[in-house]
């Protein structure tokens, strides 16, 4: 049995810094860039003597990092011990495994525990894969002599190997560092692993979808379990209790989010101090989770764009620390700034909701306005508009823009006061130019800001103009878009889908001589051999680029 689950990355559009404190809300958009976790047994059968074993074998593979790590999981204490090089350890996945197996022990009766033991004695083979948008590939694109465009990014094979940036440490050794784009890779990865394992072990059922209200409630409860376990594992791996918006969006999708009280994870912190993990999990599952979550997505005909400036990354924890230090040093000024920022966040949320409602009730007028505004600079959006409904749409668009400008203004004020580049000058110039382009509604720095990324929300078909302009300013527009869906169960290994997609997209109506010569090679291999999953995936990966080239060049 193989289980594959995916969890999306995120873009925090509003709520940077404020979301750390209740009752401040943030708008977080989930994306079509996801992390995948593949779980299957290591051994096909349970050996008779294995029932006496005190340990479960666990294999963790990250093909993009060229890493494989072996563990032993204590069946009694549920403690995971690495038996491979410590350099390849992943604390997020390690805690996800421990907390998920403990959740099974904490919720199962004796009969289910017997079945659980059998599954665990077969070992756990876990593979993690992250979409390319989570990582920076601008160096690879530039090395190929290509322009920094989405089209160039799309030429990279799915789940491309990640290049490490090495820097000298005191001991003279090179410590690898991965350049990321700020989509919340650790939260998406943790959530995907937790979801896949919980489903694999039978704690939740993520495969069901029904109109029956009772079944809907069951599905919701299963997602809640995924959320609680993923939040706990992620916080322990981070060494702190964050706001949790990234894990929440990875589980539930796009939303308006208010954080949970940090005390709810005091039980998880107790595990670090020696409390039995099974007892810790019971406390977590029975805890008072008081976070607030409301479904949210961008109004119709709007596109989320994300760009990578390539000016280096930013350390979110250190930036948050600087803001907290400023709050303590100047509580009066900081409270005033936060109040204005909260008001601007709320206004933007209100106007986006107004636009969504106008789209639902007056679609033709709404679509007409969006199409018109997509070809005009914001200063001309109101020109020639006389109908009341269309005027209401334009007014909501302009008010949303004004709210975004105020959000940016207050974020810059906070950054200057705290001595950190929340919206650096280079970003300010880029964002100002972006917001003055035809069809651009919003532009800003997501989350805690800094140098990681910029985002824009465009109207209609205007996104191409933005990506071209960004490219001319050395900003790589990513392929990521908003997708309001959260964690979900997948039909199989995503590496195989991409190969199938590449093959099906090839133009085979009038095959050329070269493609006809090449095709029998694939047919021969598939007919001549009995493939296991690993060999099949490796074969597909090695030959996917050839398929794509044949398709594009029509050789």
Protein backbone atom coordinates (compact mmCIF):
# COMPACT_ATOMS: atom_id res chain seq x y z
CA UNK A 1 0.00 0.00 0.00
CA UNK A 2 1.27 3.45 -0.95
CA UNK A 3 -0.18 6.74 0.32
CA UNK A 4 0.63 10.12 -1.23
CA UNK A 5 -0.51 13.39 0.35
CA UNK A 6 0.19 16.97 -0.67
CA UNK A 7 0.08 20.27 1.23
CA UNK A 8 0.32 23.73 -0.34
CA UNK A 9 2.70 26.61 0.21
CA UNK A 10 1.39 30.00 1.28
CA UNK A 11 1.55 33.76 0.74
CA UNK A 12 0.64 35.94 3.74
CA UNK A 13 -0.95 38.92 1.99
CA UNK A 14 -1.93 40.87 5.12
CA UNK A 15 -1.16 40.43 8.81
CA UNK A 16 2.63 40.55 8.81
CA UNK A 17 3.84 40.78 12.44
CA UNK A 18 0.32 41.57 13.73
CA UNK A 19 -0.74 37.96 13.22
CA UNK A 20 1.63 36.95 16.02
CA UNK A 21 -0.78 38.42 18.57
CA UNK A 22 -4.46 37.66 19.09
CA UNK A 23 -6.98 38.92 18.01
CA UNK A 24 -5.21 40.33 14.95
CA UNK A 25 -6.19 38.61 11.71
CA UNK A 26 -4.25 37.89 8.54
CA UNK A 27 -5.21 36.89 5.01
CA UNK A 28 -3.17 33.92 3.87
CA UNK A 29 -3.46 32.48 0.37
CA UNK A 30 -2.55 28.88 -0.34
CA UNK A 31 -0.89 28.11 -3.66
CA UNK A 32 -0.61 25.50 -6.36
CA UNK A 33 2.98 24.84 -5.26
CA UNK A 34 2.92 21.95 -2.85
CA UNK A 35 5.01 19.49 -0.89
CA UNK A 36 4.36 15.80 -1.37
CA UNK A 37 4.90 12.95 1.07
CA UNK A 38 4.94 9.36 -0.19
CA UNK A 39 4.56 6.65 2.47
CA UNK A 40 4.85 2.91 1.86
CA UNK A 41 6.25 -0.15 3.66
CA UNK A 42 9.94 -0.99 3.50
CA UNK A 43 9.27 -4.74 3.67
CA UNK A 44 6.50 -6.54 1.80
CA UNK A 45 5.78 -9.01 4.61
CA UNK A 46 6.13 -9.18 8.37
CA UNK A 47 8.71 -11.78 9.37
CA UNK A 48 7.61 -14.14 12.17
CA UNK A 49 10.54 -13.18 14.37
CA UNK A 50 9.88 -9.46 13.90
CA UNK A 51 7.15 -9.41 16.59
CA UNK A 52 9.92 -9.56 19.15
CA UNK A 53 11.65 -6.52 17.67
CA UNK A 54 11.67 -3.41 19.83
CA UNK A 55 12.28 -1.07 16.93
CA UNK A 56 10.62 -0.07 13.66
CA UNK A 57 12.81 0.72 10.65
CA UNK A 58 12.19 4.13 9.08
CA UNK A 59 13.75 5.35 5.82
CA UNK A 60 13.50 9.00 4.84
CA UNK A 61 14.45 9.99 1.30
CA UNK A 62 14.74 13.49 -0.17
CA UNK A 63 15.71 13.03 -3.85
CA UNK A 64 16.07 16.77 -4.47
CA UNK A 65 18.72 17.00 -1.77
CA UNK A 66 20.27 13.63 -2.74
CA UNK A 67 19.78 12.50 0.86
CA UNK A 68 18.68 9.30 2.47
CA UNK A 69 18.49 8.83 6.22
CA UNK A 70 17.77 5.69 8.25
CA UNK A 71 16.12 5.67 11.67
CA UNK A 72 15.02 3.28 14.37
CA UNK A 73 11.67 4.05 16.02
CA UNK A 74 11.19 2.66 19.52
CA UNK A 75 7.86 0.81 19.57
CA UNK A 76 7.56 1.31 23.33
CA UNK A 77 8.69 4.89 23.85
CA UNK A 78 7.98 6.18 20.31
CA UNK A 79 11.37 7.85 20.19
CA UNK A 80 13.12 8.16 16.83
CA UNK A 81 16.86 7.55 16.68
CA UNK A 82 18.93 8.37 13.62
CA UNK A 83 21.38 5.67 12.55
CA UNK A 84 22.76 7.66 9.58
CA UNK A 85 24.96 10.72 9.32
CA UNK A 86 23.59 13.56 11.44
CA UNK A 87 24.20 16.00 8.57
CA UNK A 88 21.19 14.64 6.71
CA UNK A 89 18.68 14.93 9.55
CA UNK A 90 15.35 16.72 9.12
CA UNK A 91 13.84 17.78 12.49
CA UNK A 92 10.48 18.68 10.91
CA UNK A 93 9.95 15.23 9.44
CA UNK A 94 11.41 13.51 12.51
CA UNK A 95 8.90 15.22 14.82
CA UNK A 96 6.10 14.60 12.31
CA UNK A 97 6.83 10.86 12.41
CA UNK A 98 7.01 10.67 16.20
CA UNK A 99 3.87 12.73 16.78
CA UNK A 100 1.87 10.88 14.12
CA UNK A 101 2.70 7.39 15.40
CA UNK A 102 1.98 8.60 18.94
CA UNK A 103 -1.41 9.89 17.74
CA UNK A 104 -2.23 6.40 16.45
CA UNK A 105 -1.28 4.86 19.80
CA UNK A 106 -3.28 7.49 21.69
CA UNK A 107 -6.50 7.01 19.71
CA UNK A 108 -6.60 3.29 18.84
CA UNK A 109 -8.21 0.45 20.79
CA UNK A 110 -6.44 -2.92 21.20
CA UNK A 111 -7.61 -4.38 17.86
CA UNK A 112 -6.46 -1.34 15.92
CA UNK A 113 -3.17 -1.32 17.81
CA UNK A 114 -2.50 -4.87 16.64
CA UNK A 115 -3.00 -3.78 13.03
CA UNK A 116 -0.82 -0.75 13.73
CA UNK A 117 1.97 -2.97 15.02
CA UNK A 118 1.86 -5.02 11.84
CA UNK A 119 2.14 -1.90 9.69
CA UNK A 120 5.03 -0.56 11.74
CA UNK A 121 6.91 -3.87 11.62
CA UNK A 122 6.91 -3.58 7.83
CA UNK A 123 8.84 -0.36 8.27
CA UNK A 124 8.06 3.15 7.03
CA UNK A 125 9.51 4.27 3.71
CA UNK A 126 8.93 8.03 3.40
CA UNK A 127 9.85 10.19 0.41
CA UNK A 128 9.43 13.99 0.42
CA UNK A 129 9.26 16.19 -2.69
CA UNK A 130 8.83 19.95 -2.99
CA UNK A 131 7.65 21.80 -6.09
CA UNK A 132 10.31 23.94 -7.73
CA UNK A 133 8.63 27.19 -6.64
CA UNK A 134 9.74 26.62 -3.04
CA UNK A 135 13.39 27.05 -4.02
CA UNK A 136 15.50 29.53 -5.94
CA UNK A 137 16.73 28.31 -9.31
CA UNK A 138 17.82 31.67 -10.71
CA UNK A 139 21.50 30.60 -10.63
CA UNK A 140 20.73 27.54 -12.75
CA UNK A 141 18.70 29.62 -15.21
CA UNK A 142 21.44 32.21 -15.52
CA UNK A 143 24.07 29.47 -15.93
CA UNK A 144 22.09 28.18 -18.91
CA UNK A 145 22.22 31.66 -20.46
CA UNK A 146 18.45 32.07 -20.25
CA UNK A 147 16.49 35.18 -19.29
CA UNK A 148 14.85 35.34 -15.87
CA UNK A 149 11.33 34.57 -17.05
CA UNK A 150 8.60 32.12 -16.01
CA UNK A 151 9.11 30.39 -19.35
CA UNK A 152 12.74 29.70 -18.47
CA UNK A 153 11.70 28.43 -15.04
CA UNK A 154 9.18 26.11 -16.68
CA UNK A 155 11.94 24.39 -18.66
CA UNK A 156 13.35 22.90 -15.46
CA UNK A 157 12.19 19.34 -14.77
CA UNK A 158 9.67 19.00 -11.91
CA UNK A 159 11.33 18.46 -8.52
CA UNK A 160 14.71 19.59 -9.81
CA UNK A 161 17.73 18.90 -7.60
CA UNK A 162 18.46 21.73 -5.20
CA UNK A 163 21.77 23.56 -5.35
CA UNK A 164 23.46 24.36 -2.04
CA UNK A 165 25.10 27.67 -1.32
CA UNK A 166 28.22 26.88 0.69
CA UNK A 167 29.95 29.24 3.07
CA UNK A 168 32.98 28.71 5.22
CA UNK A 169 32.45 28.00 8.88
CA UNK A 170 34.90 28.42 11.72
CA UNK A 171 36.04 24.86 11.43
CA UNK A 172 36.90 25.28 7.78
CA UNK A 173 34.02 23.04 6.72
CA UNK A 174 31.38 24.07 4.19
CA UNK A 175 27.87 24.27 5.57
CA UNK A 176 25.20 23.91 2.88
CA UNK A 177 22.36 26.39 2.76
CA UNK A 178 19.34 26.20 0.48
CA UNK A 179 17.99 29.39 -1.11
CA UNK A 180 14.19 29.53 -0.73
CA UNK A 181 11.38 31.77 -1.93
CA UNK A 182 9.40 32.15 1.31
CA UNK A 183 6.43 29.90 0.49
CA UNK A 184 6.58 28.09 3.83
CA UNK A 185 8.40 24.92 2.85
CA UNK A 186 8.80 23.58 6.40
CA UNK A 187 5.08 23.96 7.19
CA UNK A 188 3.97 22.40 3.89
CA UNK A 189 6.47 19.54 4.25
CA UNK A 190 5.47 18.83 7.87
CA UNK A 191 1.77 18.90 7.01
CA UNK A 192 2.19 16.59 4.00
CA UNK A 193 4.13 14.03 6.06
CA UNK A 194 1.64 14.17 8.95
CA UNK A 195 -1.35 13.81 6.60
CA UNK A 196 0.17 10.92 4.63
CA UNK A 197 1.19 9.03 7.78
CA UNK A 198 -2.11 9.60 9.60
CA UNK A 199 -3.98 8.23 6.57
CA UNK A 200 -1.51 5.37 6.08
CA UNK A 201 -1.82 4.30 9.72
CA UNK A 202 -5.62 4.60 9.67
CA UNK A 203 -5.99 7.49 12.12
CA UNK A 204 -7.84 9.62 9.55
CA UNK A 205 -9.47 9.02 6.19
CA UNK A 206 -8.63 11.76 3.71
CA UNK A 207 -10.06 9.93 0.70
CA UNK A 208 -13.75 10.45 1.39
CA UNK A 209 -15.87 13.23 -0.03
CA UNK A 210 -19.62 13.21 0.41
CA UNK A 211 -22.66 15.46 0.45
CA UNK A 212 -23.83 13.66 3.57
CA UNK A 213 -23.61 16.06 6.53
CA UNK A 214 -22.40 13.38 8.93
CA UNK A 215 -19.58 12.45 6.55
CA UNK A 216 -18.70 16.13 6.05
CA UNK A 217 -18.36 16.49 9.81
CA UNK A 218 -16.12 13.42 9.91
CA UNK A 219 -13.95 14.86 7.15
CA UNK A 220 -13.69 18.13 9.05
CA UNK A 221 -12.69 16.30 12.23
CA UNK A 222 -10.00 14.39 10.34
CA UNK A 223 -8.56 17.66 9.02
CA UNK A 224 -8.61 19.07 12.54
CA UNK A 225 -6.50 16.10 13.72
CA UNK A 226 -4.03 16.70 10.88
CA UNK A 227 -3.89 20.36 11.88
CA UNK A 228 -3.26 19.74 15.58
CA UNK A 229 -0.54 17.15 15.01
CA UNK A 230 1.16 19.20 12.27
CA UNK A 231 1.11 22.40 14.36
CA UNK A 232 2.63 20.55 17.33
CA UNK A 233 5.37 18.84 15.32
CA UNK A 234 6.22 22.03 13.46
CA UNK A 235 6.47 24.13 16.62
CA UNK A 236 8.70 21.62 18.39
CA UNK A 237 10.96 21.37 15.34
CA UNK A 238 11.22 25.17 15.21
CA UNK A 239 11.92 25.41 18.91
CA UNK A 240 9.19 28.02 19.40
CA UNK A 241 5.43 28.47 19.18
CA UNK A 242 4.75 30.62 16.12
CA UNK A 243 1.46 32.02 14.90
CA UNK A 244 0.70 28.83 12.95
CA UNK A 245 -0.82 30.53 9.90
CA UNK A 246 1.48 28.62 7.54
CA UNK A 247 0.46 25.21 8.88
CA UNK A 248 -3.21 26.22 8.99
CA UNK A 249 -3.18 27.23 5.33
CA UNK A 250 -1.29 24.04 4.44
CA UNK A 251 -4.13 22.04 6.03
CA UNK A 252 -7.25 24.06 5.19
CA UNK A 253 -6.22 26.26 2.25
CA UNK A 254 -6.73 30.01 1.72
CA UNK A 255 -8.29 31.69 4.74
CA UNK A 256 -8.64 34.59 7.13
CA UNK A 257 -6.70 33.46 10.17
CA UNK A 258 -6.46 34.42 13.85
CA UNK A 259 -3.84 32.51 15.77
CA UNK A 260 -4.38 30.06 18.65
CA UNK A 261 -3.32 30.89 22.20
CA UNK A 262 0.29 29.71 22.64
CA UNK A 263 -0.70 27.90 25.85
CA UNK A 264 -2.51 25.26 23.81
CA UNK A 265 0.88 23.79 22.90
CA UNK A 266 2.23 23.73 26.44
CA UNK A 267 1.67 19.96 26.35
CA UNK A 268 3.92 19.64 23.30
CA UNK A 269 6.60 21.63 25.07
CA UNK A 270 6.24 19.27 28.03
CA UNK A 271 7.29 16.39 25.75
CA UNK A 272 10.69 18.00 25.43
CA UNK A 273 10.96 17.82 29.22
CA UNK A 274 10.29 14.08 29.35
CA UNK A 275 6.51 13.59 29.49
CA UNK A 276 5.49 10.36 27.65
CA UNK A 277 4.65 11.24 24.07
CA UNK A 278 1.39 9.31 23.99
CA UNK A 279 0.13 11.32 26.96
CA UNK A 280 1.31 14.53 25.33
CA UNK A 281 -0.69 13.75 22.19
CA UNK A 282 -3.86 13.08 24.17
CA UNK A 283 -3.49 16.49 25.81
CA UNK A 284 -2.93 18.15 22.44
CA UNK A 285 -5.96 16.49 20.83
CA UNK A 286 -8.14 17.42 23.81
CA UNK A 287 -6.71 20.94 24.11
CA UNK A 288 -8.66 24.16 23.67
CA UNK A 289 -7.67 25.20 20.16
CA UNK A 290 -9.07 28.71 19.91
CA UNK A 291 -7.76 29.78 16.51
CA UNK A 292 -10.26 31.35 14.11
CA UNK A 293 -10.46 30.37 10.48
CA UNK A 294 -12.74 31.74 7.77
CA UNK A 295 -12.63 30.61 4.15
CA UNK A 296 -11.16 33.23 1.86
CA UNK A 297 -9.96 33.48 -1.72
CA UNK A 298 -9.24 36.22 -4.21
CA UNK A 299 -12.27 37.54 -6.14
CA UNK A 300 -12.79 36.12 -9.65
CA UNK A 301 -10.58 37.20 -12.55
CA UNK A 302 -7.73 38.14 -10.24
CA UNK A 303 -4.31 36.50 -10.39
CA UNK A 304 -1.70 36.20 -7.65
CA UNK A 305 1.89 36.68 -8.83
CA UNK A 306 5.03 36.08 -6.80
CA UNK A 307 8.47 37.36 -7.72
CA UNK A 308 11.95 36.52 -6.46
CA UNK A 309 14.13 39.66 -6.41
CA UNK A 310 17.38 37.73 -6.05
CA UNK A 311 18.85 40.16 -3.54
CA UNK A 312 19.47 37.58 -0.85
CA UNK A 313 17.15 36.20 1.80
CA UNK A 314 15.91 37.57 5.10
CA UNK A 315 15.81 35.96 8.53
CA UNK A 316 12.21 36.13 9.71
CA UNK A 317 13.01 35.24 13.37
CA UNK A 318 15.61 38.02 13.67
CA UNK A 319 13.25 40.54 12.07
CA UNK A 320 10.44 39.54 14.43
CA UNK A 321 12.88 39.87 17.35
CA UNK A 322 13.78 43.41 16.24
CA UNK A 323 10.10 44.41 16.06
CA UNK A 324 9.41 43.01 19.53
CA UNK A 325 12.41 44.90 20.89
CA UNK A 326 11.04 48.11 19.37
CA UNK A 327 7.61 47.44 20.90
CA UNK A 328 9.15 47.23 24.37
CA UNK A 329 11.32 50.30 23.83
CA UNK A 330 8.53 52.51 22.43
CA UNK A 331 5.13 51.04 23.38
CA UNK A 332 3.12 54.18 22.60
CA UNK A 333 4.46 54.66 19.06
CA UNK A 334 4.38 50.93 18.29
CA UNK A 335 0.75 50.59 19.43
CA UNK A 336 -0.26 53.52 17.22
CA UNK A 337 1.49 51.99 14.22
CA UNK A 338 -0.08 48.59 14.86
CA UNK A 339 -3.54 50.16 15.19
CA UNK A 340 -3.22 51.91 11.83
CA UNK A 341 -1.83 48.77 10.22
CA UNK A 342 -4.68 46.65 11.61
CA UNK A 343 -7.24 49.14 10.25
CA UNK A 344 -5.66 49.06 6.79
CA UNK A 345 -5.56 45.24 6.83
CA UNK A 346 -9.25 45.16 7.76
CA UNK A 347 -10.14 47.66 5.02
CA UNK A 348 -8.39 45.60 2.34
CA UNK A 349 -10.18 42.47 3.52
CA UNK A 350 -13.52 44.32 3.44
CA UNK A 351 -13.05 45.60 -0.11
CA UNK A 352 -12.00 42.19 -1.43
CA UNK A 353 -15.13 40.70 0.14
CA UNK A 354 -17.22 43.47 -1.46
CA UNK A 355 -15.71 42.63 -4.84
CA UNK A 356 -16.41 38.94 -4.41
CA UNK A 357 -20.04 39.70 -3.54
CA UNK A 358 -20.41 42.04 -6.53
CA UNK A 359 -19.04 39.28 -8.76
CA UNK A 360 -21.61 36.83 -7.41
CA UNK A 361 -24.59 39.17 -7.77
CA UNK A 362 -23.66 41.17 -10.90
CA UNK A 363 -21.31 38.99 -12.89
CA UNK A 364 -21.66 40.66 -16.29
CA UNK A 365 -21.03 44.16 -14.94
CA UNK A 366 -18.17 42.90 -12.75
CA UNK A 367 -16.49 41.07 -15.64
CA UNK A 368 -16.86 44.09 -17.93
CA UNK A 369 -15.13 46.35 -15.39
CA UNK A 370 -12.30 43.90 -14.72
CA UNK A 371 -11.69 43.45 -18.45
CA UNK A 372 -11.60 47.21 -18.95
CA UNK A 373 -9.37 47.95 -15.95
CA UNK A 374 -6.93 45.23 -16.96
CA UNK A 375 -5.93 47.38 -19.95
CA UNK A 376 -5.76 50.71 -18.11
CA UNK A 377 -3.58 52.33 -15.47
CA UNK A 378 -5.43 52.79 -12.14
CA UNK A 379 -5.76 56.54 -12.69
CA UNK A 380 -8.06 55.84 -15.67
CA UNK A 381 -10.22 53.09 -14.16
CA UNK A 382 -13.14 55.39 -13.39
CA UNK A 383 -13.14 57.18 -16.74
CA UNK A 384 -16.35 56.65 -18.69
CA UNK A 385 -18.00 54.57 -15.95
CA UNK A 386 -21.62 55.69 -15.42
CA UNK A 387 -23.63 52.62 -14.45
CA UNK A 388 -24.08 52.35 -10.63
CA UNK A 389 -22.98 48.70 -10.38
CA UNK A 390 -19.87 49.23 -12.49
CA UNK A 391 -19.09 52.34 -10.48
CA UNK A 392 -19.38 50.29 -7.28
CA UNK A 393 -16.89 47.75 -8.65
CA UNK A 394 -14.35 50.43 -9.58
CA UNK A 395 -14.73 52.16 -6.21
CA UNK A 396 -14.07 48.88 -4.40
CA UNK A 397 -10.98 48.30 -6.57
CA UNK A 398 -9.62 51.77 -5.82
CA UNK A 399 -10.36 51.46 -2.10
CA UNK A 400 -8.52 48.13 -2.03
CA UNK A 401 -5.52 49.86 -3.64
CA UNK A 402 -5.60 52.67 -1.09
CA UNK A 403 -5.71 50.13 1.74
CA UNK A 404 -2.67 48.33 0.28
CA UNK A 405 -0.75 51.59 0.00
CA UNK A 406 -1.49 52.33 3.65
CA UNK A 407 -0.41 48.81 4.66
CA UNK A 408 2.89 49.35 2.90
CA UNK A 409 3.29 52.78 4.49
CA UNK A 410 2.79 51.43 8.02
CA UNK A 411 5.04 48.43 7.36
CA UNK A 412 7.82 50.81 6.25
CA UNK A 413 7.24 52.94 9.36
CA UNK A 414 7.58 49.85 11.53
CA UNK A 415 10.72 48.74 9.74
CA UNK A 416 12.39 52.14 10.06
CA UNK A 417 11.56 52.35 13.76
CA UNK A 418 12.79 48.79 14.42
CA UNK A 419 15.89 49.23 12.26
CA UNK A 420 15.07 46.43 9.82
CA UNK A 421 14.29 46.43 6.06
CA UNK A 422 10.65 45.27 6.09
CA UNK A 423 10.14 46.99 2.74
CA UNK A 424 13.67 47.75 1.50
CA UNK A 425 14.19 50.74 -0.79
CA UNK A 426 14.85 48.46 -3.76
CA UNK A 427 11.52 46.73 -3.13
CA UNK A 428 9.74 50.07 -2.71
CA UNK A 429 10.83 51.27 -6.12
CA UNK A 430 9.82 47.98 -7.73
CA UNK A 431 6.42 47.87 -5.97
CA UNK A 432 5.60 51.50 -6.80
CA UNK A 433 6.35 50.87 -10.46
CA UNK A 434 4.30 47.65 -10.38
CA UNK A 435 1.24 49.29 -8.81
CA UNK A 436 1.25 51.98 -11.51
CA UNK A 437 1.09 49.45 -14.34
CA UNK A 438 -2.02 48.61 -16.36
CA UNK A 439 -4.27 46.13 -14.61
CA UNK A 440 -2.39 45.90 -11.31
CA UNK A 441 -4.59 46.01 -8.22
CA UNK A 442 -2.10 45.30 -5.42
CA UNK A 443 1.62 44.86 -4.87
CA UNK A 444 3.59 44.37 -1.68
CA UNK A 445 6.03 42.28 0.33
CA UNK A 446 4.44 39.13 1.80
CA UNK A 447 4.64 38.06 5.42
CA UNK A 448 7.44 39.61 7.43
CA UNK A 449 8.82 41.38 4.35
CA UNK A 450 12.51 41.73 3.64
CA UNK A 451 14.32 40.56 0.54
CA UNK A 452 12.69 37.13 0.05
CA UNK A 453 9.89 37.95 -2.36
CA UNK A 454 7.35 40.44 -3.72
CA UNK A 455 3.75 39.78 -4.71
CA UNK A 456 1.18 41.37 -6.98
CA UNK A 457 -2.51 40.83 -7.69
CA UNK A 458 -3.48 41.55 -11.28
CA UNK A 459 -6.79 41.92 -13.11
CA UNK A 460 -7.87 39.88 -16.11
CA UNK A 461 -5.10 39.05 -18.55
CA UNK A 462 -2.61 41.70 -17.40
CA UNK A 463 -0.23 39.40 -15.54
CA UNK A 464 2.06 38.97 -18.56
CA UNK A 465 2.91 42.67 -18.54
CA UNK A 466 3.99 42.42 -14.90
CA UNK A 467 6.18 39.36 -15.36
CA UNK A 468 7.91 40.99 -18.33
CA UNK A 469 8.51 44.18 -16.37
CA UNK A 470 9.83 42.22 -13.40
CA UNK A 471 12.20 40.30 -15.65
CA UNK A 472 13.67 43.57 -16.93
CA UNK A 473 14.39 44.51 -13.30
CA UNK A 474 16.13 41.15 -12.61
CA UNK A 475 13.10 39.83 -10.71
CA UNK A 476 12.14 36.24 -11.51
CA UNK A 477 8.38 35.76 -11.64
CA UNK A 478 7.53 32.34 -10.23
CA UNK A 479 5.02 29.92 -11.69
CA UNK A 480 3.01 29.82 -8.46
CA UNK A 481 -0.66 30.89 -8.40
CA UNK A 482 -3.34 30.90 -5.74
CA UNK A 483 -5.14 27.60 -5.20
CA UNK A 484 -7.58 27.75 -2.26
CA UNK A 485 -7.40 23.99 -1.63
CA UNK A 486 -5.51 22.69 1.39
CA UNK A 487 -4.05 19.28 2.15
CA UNK A 488 -5.32 16.42 0.04
CA UNK A 489 -4.76 12.79 -0.83
CA UNK A 490 -3.19 12.19 -4.23
CA UNK A 491 -3.61 9.32 -6.67
CA UNK A 492 0.08 8.43 -6.86
CA UNK A 493 3.69 9.54 -7.13
CA UNK A 494 3.69 13.09 -8.63
CA UNK A 495 6.90 12.37 -10.53
CA UNK A 496 4.97 9.85 -12.60
CA UNK A 497 2.13 12.31 -13.30
CA UNK A 498 4.55 14.86 -14.69
CA UNK A 499 6.01 12.32 -17.08
CA UNK A 500 2.53 11.23 -18.15
CA UNK A 501 1.57 14.87 -18.66
CA UNK A 502 4.70 15.54 -20.69
CA UNK A 503 3.99 12.53 -22.89
CA UNK A 504 0.30 13.35 -23.37
CA UNK A 505 1.14 16.95 -24.29
CA UNK A 506 3.39 15.81 -27.15
CA UNK A 507 2.04 16.45 -30.65
CA UNK A 508 1.53 12.92 -31.99
CA UNK A 509 -1.05 13.68 -34.65
CA UNK A 510 1.69 13.90 -37.29
CA UNK A 511 4.72 12.20 -35.75
CA UNK A 512 8.07 12.90 -37.35
CA UNK A 513 10.55 10.23 -38.36
CA UNK A 514 12.76 10.98 -35.37
CA UNK A 515 9.91 10.67 -32.89
CA UNK A 516 8.82 7.41 -34.51
CA UNK A 517 12.35 6.10 -34.16
CA UNK A 518 12.44 7.10 -30.53
CA UNK A 519 9.02 5.87 -29.42
CA UNK A 520 9.71 2.11 -29.84
CA UNK A 521 12.54 2.46 -27.32
CA UNK A 522 9.96 3.29 -24.65
CA UNK A 523 7.57 0.60 -25.85
CA UNK A 524 10.35 -2.02 -25.77
CA UNK A 525 11.40 -1.18 -22.22
CA UNK A 526 7.86 -1.17 -20.87
CA UNK A 527 7.03 -4.48 -22.54
CA UNK A 528 10.31 -6.23 -21.83
CA UNK A 529 10.60 -5.59 -18.12
CA UNK A 530 8.51 -5.96 -15.03
CA UNK A 531 9.11 -2.64 -13.29
CA UNK A 532 8.97 -2.02 -9.60
CA UNK A 533 7.93 1.50 -8.54
CA UNK A 534 11.41 2.84 -7.91
CA UNK A 535 12.82 1.67 -11.25
CA UNK A 536 9.79 3.00 -13.11
CA UNK A 537 10.06 6.43 -11.51
CA UNK A 538 13.82 6.59 -12.12
CA UNK A 539 13.32 5.61 -15.76
CA UNK A 540 10.66 8.27 -16.21
CA UNK A 541 12.77 10.93 -14.58
CA UNK A 542 15.82 10.17 -16.69
CA UNK A 543 13.84 10.36 -19.92
CA UNK A 544 11.31 13.10 -19.18
CA UNK A 545 13.45 15.84 -20.71
CA UNK A 546 13.82 13.86 -23.92
CA UNK A 547 10.05 13.57 -24.22
CA UNK A 548 9.65 17.30 -23.59
CA UNK A 549 12.28 18.18 -26.18
CA UNK A 550 10.70 15.92 -28.79
CA UNK A 551 7.34 17.50 -28.06
CA UNK A 552 8.60 21.07 -28.33
CA UNK A 553 11.01 20.66 -31.24
CA UNK A 554 8.78 18.24 -33.15
CA UNK A 555 11.90 16.46 -34.38
